[in-house]
C-alpha cells in the first residue's frame, strides 16, 4: 500500500486527533482491512477490530453486529458509492472519520489496476458535514491539514498551502 511513500504527517495528526477524543479504554471498529495505521492504534493501546474486506456498500453486517463504542473510518468513505447507508448502519455513538478533500487543481484518484483503489467521492468539507448531519451525527471537532510533496511544479506548490485532508469527531444525536 505504501511502497513508495509513508504518510508520516497524516498518521501523526490522525493519531493526535484520535487521542484527543477517544480513550484507550473504548473499543473501536475500524472500517477497512488491517493497515499500517490500525497497527499504530494497537501499539498505542487501543482495542480495535477491522472489517475484513467485504464490500461495505453491499454488506453492513459487520457494522450492524459490532458492539464497539467507536467507529473509525480513515480514508475509507471516498471509496464508497453510498457512505450514507454505511453511516446510518453504525450502532456506536462515536465516530472519527477522515477523508481526502477535493482539490480543484487535480482530478479524483483512480487506480487503473486495483478496482478497490479508486475514489468515487472526493469531498469538500461542507459535503461531509452535511452527510453526517443527515445521518444523525453531530460534529464536535474538526481539523484540516495540507499534504505537501517534494516535487517541482505548480501542483506541488499548491499542495503546500491547500488543505488535502479533513478529519471529524462526531457523536450520535
C-alpha atoms as a PDB file:
ATOM      1  CA  UNK A   1       0.000   0.000   0.000  1.00  0.00           C
ATOM      2  CA  UNK A   2       2.755   2.463   0.917  1.00  0.00           C
ATOM      3  CA  UNK A   3       5.578   1.092  -1.212  1.00  0.00           C
ATOM      4  CA  UNK A   4       6.974   4.472  -2.239  1.00  0.00           C
ATOM      5  CA  UNK A   5       5.799   6.898   0.417  1.00  0.00           C
ATOM      6  CA  UNK A   6       4.608   6.576   4.015  1.00  0.00           C
ATOM      7  CA  UNK A   7       2.141   9.254   5.174  1.00  0.00           C
ATOM      8  CA  UNK A   8       4.005  10.214   8.367  1.00  0.00           C
ATOM      9  CA  UNK A   9       2.380  13.635   8.729  1.00  0.00           C
ATOM     10  CA  UNK A  10      -1.156  12.310   8.160  1.00  0.00           C
ATOM     11  CA  UNK A  11      -0.650   9.413  10.572  1.00  0.00           C
ATOM     12  CA  UNK A  12       0.853  11.705  13.249  1.00  0.00           C
ATOM     13  CA  UNK A  13      -2.011  14.205  13.047  1.00  0.00           C
ATOM     14  CA  UNK A  14      -4.655  11.463  12.885  1.00  0.00           C
ATOM     15  CA  UNK A  15      -3.213   9.796  15.998  1.00  0.00           C
ATOM     16  CA  UNK A  16      -3.153  13.125  17.879  1.00  0.00           C
ATOM     17  CA  UNK A  17      -6.802  13.726  16.945  1.00  0.00           C
ATOM     18  CA  UNK A  18      -7.772  10.183  17.980  1.00  0.00           C
ATOM     19  CA  UNK A  19      -6.011  10.531  21.349  1.00  0.00           C
ATOM     20  CA  UNK A  20      -7.704  13.883  21.935  1.00  0.00           C
ATOM     21  CA  UNK A  21     -11.198  12.364  21.686  1.00  0.00           C
ATOM     22  CA  UNK A  22     -11.039   8.624  22.356  1.00  0.00           C
ATOM     23  CA  UNK A  23      -9.552   6.995  25.465  1.00  0.00           C
ATOM     24  CA  UNK A  24      -7.799   3.665  25.023  1.00  0.00           C
ATOM     25  CA  UNK A  25     -10.457   2.061  27.245  1.00  0.00           C
ATOM     26  CA  UNK A  26     -13.084   2.336  24.475  1.00  0.00           C
ATOM     27  CA  UNK A  27     -13.344  -0.364  21.808  1.00  0.00           C
ATOM     28  CA  UNK A  28     -13.042   0.590  18.137  1.00  0.00           C
ATOM     29  CA  UNK A  29     -14.424  -0.846  14.920  1.00  0.00           C
ATOM     30  CA  UNK A  30     -12.046   0.418  12.239  1.00  0.00           C
ATOM     31  CA  UNK A  31     -13.670   0.335   8.799  1.00  0.00           C
ATOM     32  CA  UNK A  32     -11.273  -1.125   6.279  1.00  0.00           C
ATOM     33  CA  UNK A  33      -8.833  -4.008   6.352  1.00  0.00           C
ATOM     34  CA  UNK A  34      -5.848  -4.074   8.702  1.00  0.00           C
ATOM     35  CA  UNK A  35      -3.343  -1.476   7.618  1.00  0.00           C
ATOM     36  CA  UNK A  36      -0.312   0.387   8.958  1.00  0.00           C
ATOM     37  CA  UNK A  37      -2.477   2.871  10.878  1.00  0.00           C
ATOM     38  CA  UNK A  38      -4.533   0.145  12.580  1.00  0.00           C
ATOM     39  CA  UNK A  39      -1.186  -1.309  13.700  1.00  0.00           C
ATOM     40  CA  UNK A  40      -0.237   2.100  15.121  1.00  0.00           C
ATOM     41  CA  UNK A  41      -3.538   2.227  17.044  1.00  0.00           C
ATOM     42  CA  UNK A  42      -2.826  -1.205  18.527  1.00  0.00           C
ATOM     43  CA  UNK A  43       0.689  -0.122  19.570  1.00  0.00           C
ATOM     44  CA  UNK A  44      -0.834   2.929  21.268  1.00  0.00           C
ATOM     45  CA  UNK A  45      -3.024   0.669  23.419  1.00  0.00           C
ATOM     46  CA  UNK A  46      -6.337   0.805  21.541  1.00  0.00           C
ATOM     47  CA  UNK A  47      -8.528  -2.276  21.216  1.00  0.00           C
ATOM     48  CA  UNK A  48      -9.606  -2.426  17.589  1.00  0.00           C
ATOM     49  CA  UNK A  49     -11.353  -4.754  15.219  1.00  0.00           C
ATOM     50  CA  UNK A  50     -11.112  -4.194  11.467  1.00  0.00           C
ATOM     51  CA  UNK A  51     -13.586  -5.084   8.786  1.00  0.00           C
ATOM     52  CA  UNK A  52     -12.252  -7.836   6.555  1.00  0.00           C
ATOM     53  CA  UNK A  53     -12.546  -6.517   3.019  1.00  0.00           C
ATOM     54  CA  UNK A  54     -16.254  -7.009   2.465  1.00  0.00           C
ATOM     55  CA  UNK A  55     -17.926  -4.510   0.131  1.00  0.00           C
ATOM     56  CA  UNK A  56     -19.348  -2.035   2.646  1.00  0.00           C
ATOM     57  CA  UNK A  57     -21.714  -0.639   0.024  1.00  0.00           C
ATOM     58  CA  UNK A  58     -23.384  -4.058  -0.137  1.00  0.00           C
ATOM     59  CA  UNK A  59     -22.712  -5.683   3.233  1.00  0.00           C
ATOM     60  CA  UNK A  60     -23.250  -3.829   6.529  1.00  0.00           C
ATOM     61  CA  UNK A  61     -23.416  -6.966   8.699  1.00  0.00           C
ATOM     62  CA  UNK A  62     -20.080  -6.389  10.463  1.00  0.00           C
ATOM     63  CA  UNK A  63     -21.028  -2.792  11.235  1.00  0.00           C
ATOM     64  CA  UNK A  64     -24.522  -3.703  12.418  1.00  0.00           C
ATOM     65  CA  UNK A  65     -23.346  -6.574  14.635  1.00  0.00           C
ATOM     66  CA  UNK A  66     -20.404  -4.724  16.176  1.00  0.00           C
ATOM     67  CA  UNK A  67     -20.556  -3.816  19.860  1.00  0.00           C
ATOM     68  CA  UNK A  68     -17.670  -1.341  19.546  1.00  0.00           C
ATOM     69  CA  UNK A  69     -18.166   2.004  21.263  1.00  0.00           C
ATOM     70  CA  UNK A  70     -16.383   3.925  18.491  1.00  0.00           C
ATOM     71  CA  UNK A  71     -16.208   3.586  14.716  1.00  0.00           C
ATOM     72  CA  UNK A  72     -13.228   4.947  12.819  1.00  0.00           C
ATOM     73  CA  UNK A  73     -13.135   5.413   9.059  1.00  0.00           C
ATOM     74  CA  UNK A  74      -9.783   6.790   7.950  1.00  0.00           C
ATOM     75  CA  UNK A  75      -9.631   7.366   4.174  1.00  0.00           C
ATOM     76  CA  UNK A  76     -12.486   4.921   3.506  1.00  0.00           C
ATOM     77  CA  UNK A  77     -15.605   6.919   2.643  1.00  0.00           C
ATOM     78  CA  UNK A  78     -14.209   8.313  -0.600  1.00  0.00           C
ATOM     79  CA  UNK A  79     -14.155   4.725  -1.933  1.00  0.00           C
ATOM     80  CA  UNK A  80     -17.830   4.049  -1.187  1.00  0.00           C
ATOM     81  CA  UNK A  81     -20.687   4.663  -3.571  1.00  0.00           C
ATOM     82  CA  UNK A  82     -23.115   5.136  -0.681  1.00  0.00           C
ATOM     83  CA  UNK A  83     -21.491   6.380   2.522  1.00  0.00           C
ATOM     84  CA  UNK A  84     -24.978   7.498   3.622  1.00  0.00           C
ATOM     85  CA  UNK A  85     -26.100   3.883   4.105  1.00  0.00           C
ATOM     86  CA  UNK A  86     -22.921   2.960   5.985  1.00  0.00           C
ATOM     87  CA  UNK A  87     -23.289   5.927   8.352  1.00  0.00           C
ATOM     88  CA  UNK A  88     -26.934   5.025   9.029  1.00  0.00           C
ATOM     89  CA  UNK A  89     -25.975   1.418   9.900  1.00  0.00           C
ATOM     90  CA  UNK A  90     -23.437   2.369  12.615  1.00  0.00           C
ATOM     91  CA  UNK A  91     -24.590   1.428  16.126  1.00  0.00           C
ATOM     92  CA  UNK A  92     -21.740   3.101  18.028  1.00  0.00           C
ATOM     93  CA  UNK A  93     -22.257   6.576  19.484  1.00  0.00           C
ATOM     94  CA  UNK A  94     -18.865   7.989  18.496  1.00  0.00           C
ATOM     95  CA  UNK A  95     -17.296   8.367  15.070  1.00  0.00           C
ATOM     96  CA  UNK A  96     -13.930   9.546  13.773  1.00  0.00           C
ATOM     97  CA  UNK A  97     -13.772   9.928  10.029  1.00  0.00           C
ATOM     98  CA  UNK A  98     -11.149  11.389   7.744  1.00  0.00           C
ATOM     99  CA  UNK A  99     -11.372  11.968   4.019  1.00  0.00           C
ATOM    100  CA  UNK A 100      -9.196  13.489   1.335  1.00  0.00           C
ATOM    101  CA  UNK A 101     -10.575  16.831   0.256  1.00  0.00           C
ATOM    102  CA  UNK A 102     -11.390  17.582  -3.346  1.00  0.00           C
ATOM    103  CA  UNK A 103      -8.600  19.563  -4.985  1.00  0.00           C
ATOM    104  CA  UNK A 104      -9.669  21.992  -7.685  1.00  0.00           C
ATOM    105  CA  UNK A 105      -6.370  21.500  -9.495  1.00  0.00           C
ATOM    106  CA  UNK A 106      -6.364  17.695  -9.550  1.00  0.00           C
ATOM    107  CA  UNK A 107      -8.795  15.018 -10.779  1.00  0.00           C
ATOM    108  CA  UNK A 108     -10.201  12.365  -8.439  1.00  0.00           C
ATOM    109  CA  UNK A 109      -7.808   9.496  -7.809  1.00  0.00           C
ATOM    110  CA  UNK A 110      -8.358   6.296  -9.810  1.00  0.00           C
ATOM    111  CA  UNK A 111      -6.066   3.297  -9.931  1.00  0.00           C
ATOM    112  CA  UNK A 112      -6.072   1.606 -13.300  1.00  0.00           C
ATOM    113  CA  UNK A 113      -5.042  -1.769 -11.833  1.00  0.00           C
ATOM    114  CA  UNK A 114      -6.911  -2.075  -8.496  1.00  0.00           C
ATOM    115  CA  UNK A 115     -10.704  -1.664  -8.581  1.00  0.00           C
ATOM    116  CA  UNK A 116     -10.791  -1.084  -4.800  1.00  0.00           C
ATOM    117  CA  UNK A 117      -8.252   1.752  -5.007  1.00  0.00           C
ATOM    118  CA  UNK A 118     -10.491   4.374  -6.583  1.00  0.00           C
ATOM    119  CA  UNK A 119     -12.187   7.457  -5.227  1.00  0.00           C
ATOM    120  CA  UNK A 120     -15.848   7.742  -6.060  1.00  0.00           C
ATOM    121  CA  UNK A 121     -16.114  10.823  -3.823  1.00  0.00           C
ATOM    122  CA  UNK A 122     -13.572  13.484  -3.052  1.00  0.00           C
ATOM    123  CA  UNK A 123     -15.394  15.633  -0.562  1.00  0.00           C
ATOM    124  CA  UNK A 124     -15.495  19.298   0.162  1.00  0.00           C
ATOM    125  CA  UNK A 125     -15.720  19.842   3.911  1.00  0.00           C
ATOM    126  CA  UNK A 126     -19.338  21.041   3.772  1.00  0.00           C
ATOM    127  CA  UNK A 127     -20.373  17.874   1.897  1.00  0.00           C
ATOM    128  CA  UNK A 128     -19.053  15.573   4.628  1.00  0.00           C
ATOM    129  CA  UNK A 129     -20.590  17.822   7.298  1.00  0.00           C
ATOM    130  CA  UNK A 130     -23.979  17.641   5.578  1.00  0.00           C
ATOM    131  CA  UNK A 131     -23.737  13.871   5.117  1.00  0.00           C
ATOM    132  CA  UNK A 132     -23.021  13.441   8.821  1.00  0.00           C
ATOM    133  CA  UNK A 133     -25.848  15.777   9.807  1.00  0.00           C
ATOM    134  CA  UNK A 134     -28.348  13.951   7.558  1.00  0.00           C
ATOM    135  CA  UNK A 135     -27.374  10.578   9.045  1.00  0.00           C
ATOM    136  CA  UNK A 136     -27.807  11.628  12.678  1.00  0.00           C
ATOM    137  CA  UNK A 137     -24.326  12.749  13.725  1.00  0.00           C
ATOM    138  CA  UNK A 138     -23.315  15.984  15.455  1.00  0.00           C
ATOM    139  CA  UNK A 139     -19.798  17.201  14.723  1.00  0.00           C
ATOM    140  CA  UNK A 140     -17.908  18.018  17.914  1.00  0.00           C
ATOM    141  CA  UNK A 141     -14.481  18.772  16.459  1.00  0.00           C
ATOM    142  CA  UNK A 142     -12.784  19.020  13.068  1.00  0.00           C
ATOM    143  CA  UNK A 143      -9.362  19.659  11.643  1.00  0.00           C
ATOM    144  CA  UNK A 144      -7.776  20.063   8.196  1.00  0.00           C
ATOM    145  CA  UNK A 145      -4.214  19.793   7.016  1.00  0.00           C
ATOM    146  CA  UNK A 146      -2.075  20.026   3.918  1.00  0.00           C
ATOM    147  CA  UNK A 147      -0.086  17.298   2.198  1.00  0.00           C
ATOM    148  CA  UNK A 148       2.987  18.896   0.642  1.00  0.00           C
ATOM    149  CA  UNK A 149       5.131  16.809  -1.677  1.00  0.00           C
ATOM    150  CA  UNK A 150       8.773  17.272  -2.598  1.00  0.00           C
ATOM    151  CA  UNK A 151       8.442  17.765  -6.336  1.00  0.00           C
ATOM    152  CA  UNK A 152       8.818  20.712  -8.656  1.00  0.00           C
ATOM    153  CA  UNK A 153       5.825  22.252 -10.354  1.00  0.00           C
ATOM    154  CA  UNK A 154       2.628  24.237  -9.910  1.00  0.00           C
ATOM    155  CA  UNK A 155       0.641  21.421  -8.240  1.00  0.00           C
ATOM    156  CA  UNK A 156       3.356  20.714  -5.630  1.00  0.00           C
ATOM    157  CA  UNK A 157       3.409  24.439  -4.791  1.00  0.00           C
ATOM    158  CA  UNK A 158      -0.394  24.481  -4.440  1.00  0.00           C
ATOM    159  CA  UNK A 159      -0.254  21.406  -2.156  1.00  0.00           C
ATOM    160  CA  UNK A 160       1.903  23.364   0.311  1.00  0.00           C
ATOM    161  CA  UNK A 161      -0.995  25.619   1.300  1.00  0.00           C
ATOM    162  CA  UNK A 162      -4.152  23.859   0.082  1.00  0.00           C
ATOM    163  CA  UNK A 163      -5.755  21.578   2.662  1.00  0.00           C
ATOM    164  CA  UNK A 164      -5.888  17.962   1.490  1.00  0.00           C
ATOM    165  CA  UNK A 165      -7.264  16.063   4.495  1.00  0.00           C
ATOM    166  CA  UNK A 166     -10.286  16.635   6.695  1.00  0.00           C
ATOM    167  CA  UNK A 167     -10.900  14.781   9.964  1.00  0.00           C
ATOM    168  CA  UNK A 168     -14.039  14.934  12.077  1.00  0.00           C
ATOM    169  CA  UNK A 169     -15.061  13.696  15.516  1.00  0.00           C
ATOM    170  CA  UNK A 170     -18.844  13.261  15.750  1.00  0.00           C
ATOM    171  CA  UNK A 171     -21.322  11.844  18.214  1.00  0.00           C
ATOM    172  CA  UNK A 172     -24.715  10.283  17.593  1.00  0.00           C
ATOM    173  CA  UNK A 173     -27.530  12.821  18.038  1.00  0.00           C
END
